[in-house]
Protein backbone atom coordinates (compact mmCIF):
# COMPACT_ATOMS: atom_id res chain seq x y z
CA MET A 1 -56.44 -26.54 16.28
CA LYS A 2 -54.48 -23.73 18.43
CA VAL A 3 -55.90 -21.77 21.43
CA GLY A 4 -54.17 -19.95 23.97
CA LEU A 5 -55.65 -18.42 27.23
CA PHE A 6 -58.43 -16.55 26.95
CA ILE A 7 -57.61 -12.94 29.40
CA ASP A 8 -58.94 -9.56 28.99
CA ASN A 9 -61.34 -11.32 26.12
CA ALA A 10 -58.03 -11.90 24.07
CA ASP A 11 -56.49 -15.05 23.17
CA THR A 12 -52.74 -15.02 24.86
CA LYS A 13 -49.98 -16.90 25.23
CA ALA A 14 -48.79 -18.38 28.45
CA ALA A 15 -45.66 -16.49 29.76
CA SER A 16 -43.32 -19.15 29.08
CA GLY A 17 -44.51 -20.23 25.98
CA ALA A 18 -45.41 -23.56 26.82
CA LEU A 19 -48.18 -25.73 25.25
CA PHE A 20 -49.54 -29.04 25.60
CA ASP A 21 -51.82 -31.45 22.85
CA ARG A 22 -54.96 -32.89 23.32
CA ARG A 23 -55.78 -36.59 21.14
CA SER A 24 -58.76 -37.69 20.19
CA PRO A 25 -60.00 -40.61 22.14
CA VAL A 26 -61.33 -42.53 19.06
CA SER A 27 -58.31 -41.65 16.43
CA ALA A 28 -55.58 -41.06 19.30
CA GLU A 29 -54.68 -38.08 16.24
CA ILE A 30 -53.77 -34.60 18.29
CA VAL A 31 -56.90 -32.26 17.95
CA THR A 32 -55.68 -29.62 20.20
CA THR A 33 -52.86 -27.77 21.07
CA ALA A 34 -53.26 -25.71 23.56
CA ALA A 35 -51.29 -22.72 25.91
CA ALA A 36 -49.65 -24.49 29.01
CA ALA A 37 -50.57 -21.76 32.06
CA ALA A 38 -48.61 -21.81 35.02
CA ALA A 39 -48.49 -19.70 38.28
CA ALA A 40 -47.63 -16.54 36.41
CA ASP A 41 -50.39 -17.28 33.80
CA VAL A 42 -53.03 -17.43 36.90
CA ASP A 43 -51.17 -13.72 38.71
CA ARG A 44 -52.19 -12.33 35.67
CA ALA A 45 -55.66 -13.80 35.00
CA VAL A 46 -56.37 -13.18 38.67
CA LYS A 47 -55.37 -9.25 38.68
CA SER A 48 -57.28 -8.78 35.28
CA SER A 49 -60.19 -10.15 36.86
CA ALA A 50 -59.72 -8.13 40.51
CA GLU A 51 -59.39 -4.87 37.89
CA ALA A 52 -63.07 -6.00 36.19
CA PHE A 53 -64.32 -6.27 39.19
CA LYS A 54 -64.26 -2.51 40.30
CA GLU A 55 -66.59 -1.87 37.27
CA TRP A 56 -68.86 -4.64 36.88
CA SER A 57 -69.50 -4.94 40.53
CA SER A 58 -71.05 -1.60 40.24
CA ILE A 59 -73.16 -1.73 37.26
CA GLY A 60 -77.30 -2.30 37.49
CA PRO A 61 -78.74 -5.52 37.40
CA GLY A 62 -80.57 -4.53 34.11
CA LYS A 63 -77.37 -3.78 32.01
CA ARG A 64 -76.03 -7.25 33.58
CA ARG A 65 -79.21 -9.02 32.65
CA ALA A 66 -79.05 -7.55 29.42
CA ILE A 67 -75.40 -8.78 28.72
CA LEU A 68 -75.66 -12.01 30.02
CA ASN A 69 -78.80 -13.12 27.69
CA LYS A 70 -76.93 -11.53 24.98
CA CYS A 71 -73.77 -13.75 25.84
CA ALA A 72 -76.21 -16.84 25.76
CA ASP A 73 -77.86 -15.86 22.34
CA ALA A 74 -73.69 -15.88 21.31
CA LEU A 75 -73.08 -19.45 22.76
CA ASP A 76 -76.42 -20.72 21.25
CA ALA A 77 -74.54 -19.48 17.48
CA LYS A 78 -71.74 -21.38 18.00
CA ALA A 79 -73.47 -24.84 18.60
CA SER A 80 -72.37 -26.41 15.32
CA GLU A 81 -68.80 -25.24 16.29
CA PHE A 82 -68.75 -26.88 20.14
CA ILE A 83 -70.87 -29.83 18.32
CA ARG A 84 -67.53 -30.67 16.13
CA ILE A 85 -64.49 -29.60 18.43
CA GLY A 86 -66.55 -31.00 21.84
CA ALA A 87 -66.84 -34.63 19.97
CA GLU A 88 -63.12 -34.63 18.58
CA GLU A 89 -62.07 -33.69 22.28
CA THR A 90 -63.85 -36.10 24.68
CA GLY A 91 -65.56 -38.32 22.11
CA GLY A 92 -68.98 -37.00 22.99
CA SER A 93 -71.99 -37.26 20.25
CA ALA A 94 -72.77 -34.49 18.44
CA PRO A 95 -76.81 -34.81 20.16
CA TRP A 96 -74.58 -34.90 23.75
CA ILE A 97 -72.87 -31.95 22.70
CA GLY A 98 -75.67 -29.86 21.13
CA PHE A 99 -77.96 -30.30 24.50
CA ASN A 100 -75.27 -29.12 26.31
CA VAL A 101 -74.48 -25.79 24.74
CA MET A 102 -79.10 -25.61 24.79
CA LEU A 103 -78.97 -25.99 28.56
CA ALA A 104 -75.61 -23.86 28.86
CA GLY A 105 -77.59 -21.09 27.44
CA ASN A 106 -80.60 -21.37 29.33
CA MET A 107 -78.42 -21.29 32.28
CA LEU A 108 -76.98 -17.85 31.42
CA ARG A 109 -80.46 -16.52 30.77
CA GLU A 110 -82.04 -17.99 34.05
CA ALA A 111 -78.70 -16.05 35.85
CA ALA A 112 -79.92 -13.07 33.86
CA SER A 113 -83.08 -13.20 35.24
CA MET A 114 -82.07 -13.72 38.49
CA THR A 115 -79.58 -10.32 38.73
CA THR A 116 -82.79 -8.76 40.16
CA GLN A 117 -83.54 -11.41 42.34
CA ILE A 118 -80.34 -10.61 44.99
CA LYS A 119 -82.21 -9.55 48.10
CA GLY A 120 -81.33 -8.54 52.08
CA GLU A 121 -84.33 -7.56 54.49
CA ILE A 122 -84.61 -4.99 57.14
CA ILE A 123 -84.23 -6.55 60.48
CA PRO A 124 -85.74 -4.86 63.71
CA SER A 125 -82.64 -3.35 65.99
CA GLU A 126 -83.16 -2.91 69.74
CA LYS A 127 -81.69 0.44 69.45
CA PRO A 128 -83.64 3.44 69.49
CA GLY A 129 -83.16 5.19 65.80
CA SER A 130 -81.22 2.82 64.19
CA MET A 131 -81.92 0.85 60.93
CA ALA A 132 -80.45 -2.51 60.49
CA MET A 133 -79.96 -4.40 57.20
CA ALA A 134 -78.71 -7.84 55.97
CA TYR A 135 -77.52 -6.74 52.68
CA ARG A 136 -75.68 -8.98 50.22
CA GLN A 137 -72.96 -8.00 47.74
CA PRO A 138 -71.18 -9.20 45.71
CA VAL A 139 -67.80 -10.94 46.57
CA GLY A 140 -65.04 -10.34 43.95
CA VAL A 141 -62.52 -12.66 41.92
CA LEU A 142 -64.18 -15.98 42.02
CA VAL A 143 -62.30 -19.87 41.06
CA GLY A 144 -64.11 -21.92 39.06
CA MET A 145 -63.07 -25.75 38.01
CA ALA A 146 -64.99 -27.17 34.93
CA PRO A 147 -65.09 -30.82 34.28
CA TRP A 148 -64.85 -32.63 30.76
CA ASN A 149 -68.00 -34.98 30.68
CA ALA A 150 -70.24 -32.15 30.40
CA PRO A 151 -68.37 -29.59 29.17
CA VAL A 152 -70.23 -26.30 27.87
CA ILE A 153 -73.14 -26.88 30.63
CA LEU A 154 -70.40 -27.33 33.74
CA ALA A 155 -68.33 -24.71 32.11
CA VAL A 156 -71.06 -21.97 32.22
CA ARG A 157 -72.06 -23.18 35.29
CA SER A 158 -69.01 -22.43 36.96
CA PHE A 159 -69.65 -18.64 36.17
CA ALA A 160 -73.03 -17.74 35.35
CA MET A 161 -74.57 -17.05 38.88
CA PRO A 162 -71.41 -15.73 39.81
CA ILE A 163 -71.20 -12.83 37.74
CA ALA A 164 -74.66 -12.47 37.85
CA CYS A 165 -73.94 -11.59 41.47
CA GLY A 166 -71.38 -9.26 40.29
CA ASN A 167 -68.51 -10.81 40.97
CA THR A 168 -65.67 -11.64 38.08
CA VAL A 169 -64.31 -15.34 37.46
CA VAL A 170 -61.44 -16.73 36.53
CA MET A 171 -61.92 -20.30 35.22
CA LYS A 172 -59.97 -23.54 35.05
CA ALA A 173 -60.35 -25.27 32.09
CA SER A 174 -59.94 -29.06 32.07
CA GLU A 175 -57.04 -30.45 29.83
CA LYS A 176 -58.94 -32.98 28.19
CA CYS A 177 -61.25 -30.54 26.39
CA PRO A 178 -58.82 -27.52 26.36
CA ALA A 179 -60.67 -25.90 22.61
CA THR A 180 -64.24 -26.38 23.67
CA HIS A 181 -63.86 -24.45 27.12
CA ARG A 182 -61.85 -21.78 25.45
CA LEU A 183 -64.68 -21.72 22.90
CA ILE A 184 -67.06 -20.42 25.70
CA GLY A 185 -64.19 -17.56 26.22
CA ASP A 186 -64.72 -16.42 22.76
CA ALA A 187 -68.96 -16.57 22.45
CA MET A 188 -68.83 -14.30 26.22
CA ALA A 189 -66.54 -11.56 24.20
CA GLU A 190 -69.25 -11.30 21.28
CA GLY A 191 -72.32 -11.46 23.45
CA GLY A 192 -70.33 -8.21 25.03
CA LEU A 193 -69.08 -9.15 28.37
CA PRO A 194 -66.37 -6.61 29.74
CA PRO A 195 -63.16 -7.95 29.44
CA GLY A 196 -61.45 -9.57 32.59
CA VAL A 197 -64.97 -10.76 33.89
CA VAL A 198 -64.34 -14.04 32.56
CA ASN A 199 -61.23 -15.37 32.18
CA ILE A 200 -60.27 -18.62 31.27
CA ILE A 201 -56.92 -20.96 31.56
CA THR A 202 -56.07 -23.98 30.10
CA HIS A 203 -52.53 -26.07 31.70
CA SER A 204 -51.56 -29.22 30.74
CA PRO A 205 -52.19 -32.34 32.79
CA ASP A 206 -48.66 -32.30 34.75
CA ASP A 207 -49.37 -28.88 35.33
CA ALA A 208 -52.50 -28.86 37.42
CA PRO A 209 -51.54 -29.27 40.99
CA ASP A 210 -49.50 -26.35 40.58
CA VAL A 211 -52.28 -24.35 38.45
CA VAL A 212 -55.33 -25.26 40.93
CA ASN A 213 -52.86 -24.36 44.14
CA ALA A 214 -52.07 -20.89 42.43
CA LEU A 215 -56.05 -20.19 42.04
CA ILE A 216 -56.30 -21.04 45.53
CA ASP A 217 -54.03 -19.64 47.27
CA HIS A 218 -53.79 -16.52 45.29
CA PRO A 219 -54.64 -13.77 47.69
CA LEU A 220 -57.17 -11.73 45.53
CA THR A 221 -59.38 -15.11 45.08
CA ARG A 222 -62.80 -15.54 47.46
CA ARG A 223 -63.95 -18.27 46.81
CA ILE A 224 -64.03 -21.84 44.77
CA ASN A 225 -66.73 -23.76 43.08
CA PHE A 226 -65.63 -27.08 41.97
CA THR A 227 -67.00 -30.32 39.81
CA GLY A 228 -65.29 -33.02 39.59
CA SER A 229 -64.40 -36.26 41.11
CA THR A 230 -64.32 -36.75 44.99
CA LYS A 231 -60.43 -37.45 45.37
CA VAL A 232 -60.03 -33.84 43.69
CA GLY A 233 -62.86 -32.06 45.76
CA GLN A 234 -61.29 -32.96 48.63
CA ILE A 235 -57.56 -31.79 47.79
CA VAL A 236 -59.55 -28.66 46.61
CA ALA A 237 -61.32 -28.26 49.89
CA GLU A 238 -58.48 -29.07 51.93
CA ARG A 239 -56.09 -26.58 50.13
CA ALA A 240 -59.19 -23.71 50.48
CA ALA A 241 -59.47 -24.83 54.29
CA THR A 242 -55.67 -23.14 54.95
CA GLN A 243 -56.70 -19.86 53.07
CA LEU A 244 -60.50 -19.96 55.03
CA LYS A 245 -62.15 -19.79 51.47
CA PRO A 246 -65.34 -20.95 51.13
CA CYS A 247 -66.11 -24.10 48.88
CA LEU A 248 -69.15 -25.01 46.57
CA LEU A 249 -67.97 -28.64 45.33
CA GLU A 250 -69.92 -31.01 43.29
CA LEU A 251 -68.69 -34.54 42.87
CA GLY A 252 -68.99 -38.23 42.49
CA GLY A 253 -72.18 -40.49 42.61
CA LYS A 254 -72.95 -43.93 42.81
CA ALA A 255 -76.94 -43.27 41.68
CA PRO A 256 -79.58 -45.44 42.92
CA GLN A 257 -82.62 -46.21 40.92
CA VAL A 258 -84.77 -47.93 42.94
CA VAL A 259 -87.61 -50.26 41.54
CA LEU A 260 -90.55 -50.86 43.90
CA ASP A 261 -93.34 -53.92 43.56
CA ASP A 262 -96.39 -51.71 42.19
CA ALA A 263 -94.38 -49.84 39.52
CA ASP A 264 -94.54 -49.07 35.65
CA ILE A 265 -91.96 -51.45 34.71
CA ASP A 266 -92.03 -50.00 30.97
CA GLY A 267 -91.09 -46.51 32.52
CA ALA A 268 -88.66 -47.93 34.98
CA VAL A 269 -86.59 -49.56 32.31
CA ASN A 270 -86.73 -46.33 29.83
CA ALA A 271 -85.31 -44.37 32.65
CA ALA A 272 -82.86 -47.04 33.53
CA ILE A 273 -81.74 -47.15 30.34
CA PHE A 274 -81.64 -43.07 29.71
CA SER A 275 -79.85 -42.94 33.34
CA ALA A 276 -77.01 -45.23 33.06
CA PHE A 277 -75.90 -45.30 29.38
CA MET A 278 -76.63 -41.39 28.53
CA ASN A 279 -72.81 -39.72 27.40
CA GLN A 280 -71.92 -43.38 28.15
CA GLY A 281 -72.83 -43.07 31.65
CA GLN A 282 -69.98 -40.44 32.23
CA ILE A 283 -72.53 -38.39 34.32
CA CYS A 284 -72.31 -37.77 37.65
CA MET A 285 -75.92 -38.61 37.83
CA SER A 286 -75.83 -42.01 36.20
CA ALA A 287 -78.08 -44.59 37.50
CA GLU A 288 -75.10 -46.93 38.60
CA LYS A 289 -76.99 -49.14 40.84
CA ILE A 290 -80.69 -50.28 40.09
CA ILE A 291 -82.20 -51.96 42.80
CA LEU A 292 -85.19 -53.98 41.92
CA VAL A 293 -87.81 -55.35 44.54
CA GLU A 294 -87.83 -59.02 43.96
CA PRO A 295 -91.49 -59.21 42.85
CA ILE A 296 -90.70 -56.97 39.70
CA ALA A 297 -87.19 -58.03 39.12
CA ASP A 298 -87.05 -60.75 36.59
CA ALA A 299 -89.76 -58.82 34.61
CA PHE A 300 -87.52 -55.89 35.02
CA VAL A 301 -84.33 -57.67 33.82
CA GLU A 302 -85.63 -59.22 30.61
CA LYS A 303 -86.41 -55.69 29.31
CA PHE A 304 -83.80 -54.11 30.21
CA LYS A 305 -81.49 -56.40 28.93
CA ALA A 306 -83.21 -56.46 25.11
CA ARG A 307 -83.15 -52.53 25.66
CA ALA A 308 -79.52 -52.46 26.68
CA GLU A 309 -78.89 -54.59 23.40
CA ALA A 310 -80.61 -52.74 21.20
CA LEU A 311 -78.49 -49.52 21.92
CA VAL A 312 -75.85 -48.87 19.05
CA ALA A 313 -72.28 -48.09 20.07
CA GLY A 314 -69.85 -46.44 17.74
CA LYS A 315 -68.01 -43.51 16.38
CA PRO A 316 -68.98 -39.86 17.29
CA SER A 317 -69.51 -38.99 13.56
CA GLU A 318 -72.27 -42.18 13.35
CA GLN A 319 -75.86 -42.20 14.14
CA VAL A 320 -75.38 -44.17 17.70
CA HIS A 321 -76.51 -43.63 21.07
CA LEU A 322 -73.11 -44.20 22.44
CA ALA A 323 -70.05 -43.17 21.67
CA SER A 324 -66.70 -43.04 22.78
CA VAL A 325 -65.83 -42.67 26.31
CA VAL A 326 -62.68 -40.44 27.44
CA ASP A 327 -60.00 -43.08 27.30
CA ARG A 328 -58.66 -46.07 27.31
CA ASP A 329 -58.07 -45.63 30.55
CA THR A 330 -61.98 -45.90 31.36
CA VAL A 331 -62.14 -49.12 29.75
CA ASP A 332 -59.44 -50.69 31.46
CA ARG A 333 -60.62 -49.44 34.39
CA LEU A 334 -64.13 -51.02 34.33
CA ALA A 335 -63.01 -53.91 32.97
CA ARG A 336 -61.06 -54.77 36.10
CA LEU A 337 -64.30 -54.11 37.55
CA ILE A 338 -66.30 -56.10 35.82
CA GLU A 339 -64.36 -58.86 35.93
CA ASP A 340 -63.91 -58.79 39.69
CA ALA A 341 -67.82 -58.79 40.04
CA THR A 342 -68.05 -62.09 37.77
CA GLU A 343 -65.22 -64.05 39.66
CA LYS A 344 -67.10 -63.17 42.78
CA GLY A 345 -70.34 -64.32 41.43
CA ALA A 346 -72.08 -61.38 39.07
CA GLU A 347 -73.37 -62.27 35.53
CA VAL A 348 -72.84 -59.47 32.81
CA LEU A 349 -76.36 -59.40 30.60
CA ALA A 350 -75.19 -57.50 28.10
CA GLY A 351 -72.07 -55.57 27.02
CA GLY A 352 -69.07 -56.10 28.35
CA ALA A 353 -65.26 -54.27 28.28
CA PRO A 354 -63.80 -53.56 24.49
CA ASP A 355 -60.22 -55.62 24.23
CA ASN A 356 -59.07 -52.44 22.08
CA GLY A 357 -60.34 -48.82 21.31
CA THR A 358 -62.77 -46.62 23.59
CA ILE A 359 -66.27 -47.30 22.15
CA MET A 360 -67.81 -49.61 24.79
CA PRO A 361 -71.54 -50.95 24.42
CA ALA A 362 -73.75 -50.72 27.24
CA THR A 363 -73.20 -52.98 30.04
CA ILE A 364 -75.38 -54.54 32.72
CA VAL A 365 -74.17 -56.55 35.57
CA ASP A 366 -76.84 -58.66 37.27
CA GLY A 367 -76.22 -59.55 41.13
CA VAL A 368 -73.97 -58.00 42.64
CA THR A 369 -73.22 -57.46 46.34
CA PRO A 370 -71.16 -55.69 48.76
CA GLU A 371 -68.44 -57.54 48.53
CA MET A 372 -67.93 -56.65 44.91
CA ALA A 373 -65.83 -53.70 44.07
CA ILE A 374 -68.36 -52.10 41.64
CA TYR A 375 -70.98 -52.36 44.39
CA ALA A 376 -68.99 -48.91 46.05
CA GLU A 377 -66.91 -47.80 43.12
CA GLU A 378 -67.97 -45.00 40.85
CA SER A 379 -68.17 -46.39 37.22
CA PHE A 380 -68.25 -43.49 35.52
CA GLY A 381 -68.67 -45.73 32.20
CA PRO A 382 -71.42 -47.48 30.49
CA VAL A 383 -71.86 -50.03 33.28
CA THR A 384 -74.42 -50.37 35.78
CA THR A 385 -75.72 -52.95 38.26
CA VAL A 386 -78.68 -54.62 39.33
CA ILE A 387 -79.17 -55.26 42.91
CA ARG A 388 -82.06 -57.71 43.67
CA VAL A 389 -84.07 -56.87 47.48
CA LYS A 390 -86.62 -58.53 49.48
CA ASP A 391 -88.72 -55.66 50.30
CA LEU A 392 -88.98 -51.10 50.33
CA ASP A 393 -86.67 -51.41 53.64
CA GLU A 394 -83.63 -53.44 51.87
CA ALA A 395 -83.89 -51.17 48.94
CA VAL A 396 -83.70 -47.96 50.85
CA GLN A 397 -80.81 -49.48 53.08
CA VAL A 398 -78.79 -50.49 49.84
CA ALA A 399 -79.65 -47.36 47.83
CA ASN A 400 -78.43 -45.37 51.23
CA ASP A 401 -75.10 -47.83 51.45
CA THR A 402 -72.44 -45.59 49.61
CA GLU A 403 -70.38 -42.81 50.34
CA TYR A 404 -71.73 -40.56 47.96
CA GLY A 405 -75.24 -38.77 47.64
CA LEU A 406 -76.00 -36.88 44.46
CA THR A 407 -78.97 -38.04 42.93
CA ALA A 408 -81.80 -41.10 43.26
CA SER A 409 -84.80 -42.15 41.74
CA VAL A 410 -88.05 -44.20 42.68
CA PHE A 411 -90.51 -45.90 41.03
CA GLY A 412 -93.54 -47.02 42.07
CA ASN A 413 -97.30 -46.15 41.11
CA ASP A 414 -98.09 -45.17 44.72
CA THR A 415 -96.87 -42.12 44.78
CA ARG A 416 -97.58 -40.66 48.33
CA ARG A 417 -95.85 -44.21 49.49
CA ALA A 418 -92.66 -43.83 46.98
CA LEU A 419 -92.67 -39.92 48.26
CA GLU A 420 -91.89 -41.66 51.79
CA VAL A 421 -89.10 -43.81 50.38
CA ALA A 422 -87.53 -40.26 48.68
CA LYS A 423 -87.65 -38.96 51.86
CA ARG A 424 -85.51 -41.99 53.29
CA ILE A 425 -82.88 -41.97 50.72
CA HIS A 426 -79.67 -39.58 51.78
CA SER A 427 -79.18 -37.77 48.22
CA GLY A 428 -79.62 -33.82 47.43
CA ILE A 429 -81.48 -34.97 44.84
CA CYS A 430 -84.45 -37.21 44.06
CA HIS A 431 -86.88 -37.88 41.77
CA ILE A 432 -90.19 -40.07 41.80
CA ASN A 433 -90.69 -41.85 38.34
CA GLY A 434 -88.05 -40.12 36.88
CA PRO A 435 -84.68 -40.74 35.40
CA THR A 436 -81.51 -39.89 38.12
CA VAL A 437 -80.18 -37.91 35.23
CA GLY A 438 -81.54 -34.27 35.00
CA ASP A 439 -81.17 -30.96 35.32
CA GLU A 440 -82.69 -27.47 35.25
CA ALA A 441 -81.00 -24.00 35.46
CA GLN A 442 -83.40 -23.13 37.94
CA MET A 443 -83.06 -26.02 40.61
CA PRO A 444 -80.89 -26.10 43.75
CA PHE A 445 -78.21 -29.15 41.88
CA GLY A 446 -75.90 -30.89 44.73
CA GLY A 447 -75.56 -33.29 46.47
CA THR A 448 -74.64 -34.65 50.03
CA LYS A 449 -71.75 -36.89 52.12
CA ARG A 450 -68.83 -37.37 49.69
CA SER A 451 -70.53 -36.05 47.10
CA GLY A 452 -70.01 -32.42 47.97
CA TYR A 453 -71.60 -29.52 49.73
CA GLY A 454 -73.53 -26.36 48.37
CA ARG A 455 -76.07 -25.84 45.96
CA PHE A 456 -75.84 -24.47 42.03
CA GLY A 457 -78.55 -22.93 40.19
CA GLY A 458 -81.35 -20.26 40.81
CA SER A 459 -81.88 -18.16 44.36
CA ALA A 460 -79.91 -21.27 46.36
CA ALA A 461 -76.81 -20.35 44.38
CA ILE A 462 -77.32 -16.55 45.22
CA ASN A 463 -76.02 -17.47 48.57
CA GLU A 464 -72.63 -19.38 47.50
CA PHE A 465 -71.88 -16.38 45.55
CA THR A 466 -72.47 -13.27 47.43
CA GLU A 467 -71.39 -11.97 51.21
CA LEU A 468 -74.60 -11.58 53.67
CA ARG A 469 -73.41 -8.20 55.64
CA TRP A 470 -75.00 -6.39 58.89
CA ILE A 471 -74.76 -2.63 57.96
CA THR A 472 -76.69 -0.39 60.08
CA ILE A 473 -77.55 3.38 60.18
CA GLU A 474 -77.94 5.04 63.58
CA ASP A 475 -78.03 8.16 65.24
CA PRO A 476 -74.66 9.83 65.55
CA ALA A 477 -75.98 11.55 68.84
CA GLN A 478 -76.95 8.15 70.39
CA ASN A 479 -75.93 7.90 74.00
CA TYR A 480 -72.99 5.46 75.45
CA PRO A 481 -73.12 4.10 78.61
CA ILE A 482 -69.03 5.63 79.04
């Protein structure tokens, strides 16, 4: 499949004519040949969005709402294409890519509903005859950067609320799923989004730093949102800081699932299986620390091990629970983490890293302690750890013993006690008696610490993607002291 840049609702070549290939993680065959953008292409895309902003920012909320709803319908209509292309490029299963399309459509519909919720206020002024307003207005051209792991959800999230607020967006696609991200542009055009409101740039892995820098440094871009690794997010934030451009960053995670002594064991096991192994554990919210209070630890582990061993791993085209990880490098990195842990006393209860290929079974490492690399490092694969603690206080301490703070969960039948535990955990999101993995379009999604800052979703996102201004209407004949 060959795809170009998406600028002004048209498929266009890179200015240099350069291309790059994306290979299947399963077969290693070339599945996509995409345009490889450079700084000149970034300039063209940004200027297109700046021109589109003039009209898009001035149209009424009803018209924006109608267009966004049609875009959601157009996205839904391409579900089968997304499933095919997404599986080829990322190795994800059909149910996972299909879920991506469904939730991304809901994000567009939620954004559509928010077009009439962009509100300011009248503030009493000390000056006689003066009316003072806190007024929210769109910012201009924004930059969105989307990863590959939830390819449709996170790409659409990067621009849905920004354009609902009246901004325009240049989205940087992931080099690991260029055709999947590029297909979103086709859906937006078919839904009636005017040219330039969303432009999509694809690039080769080698050109990523130059493209990112060009987007951040461009004098016409005003804000940046980035979803991806903490390492790259820090680079983005530092670069944006030199330009004094605000960022919204949704970065890595090391989500803890705390299971208290009064928990529903079966319910907690069900949640742990889903949270740890959905999409092969390649979700920023994946449960990577299963923290068990000793009285229930053995009973939990017995059931957890049995459930993990029953999960079927295989090719994305097959009926499986776990499909492929995104590349062999992921397996090799996980193998090193597992080896380090076992050398230091941990035990692999289920699974393990395969000697070749990218199909990896659900893996549980028990007896993990702080001196093991897997205790602190984000796994981002089908591996989770079991950490046993003596009581509730130690469970909270271990849950917070991480540089990350995106999501968490607590299981306990005494919901008042579980709520107090949830309040003590340092994370942007926490679920009681639910999985660590969860997203709804209207929720304030984001983290703390090195998981980033800012919030996607619902009314919280309005603050991220609008400018709050103080505007007054005053008496021209007022008196002045000089």
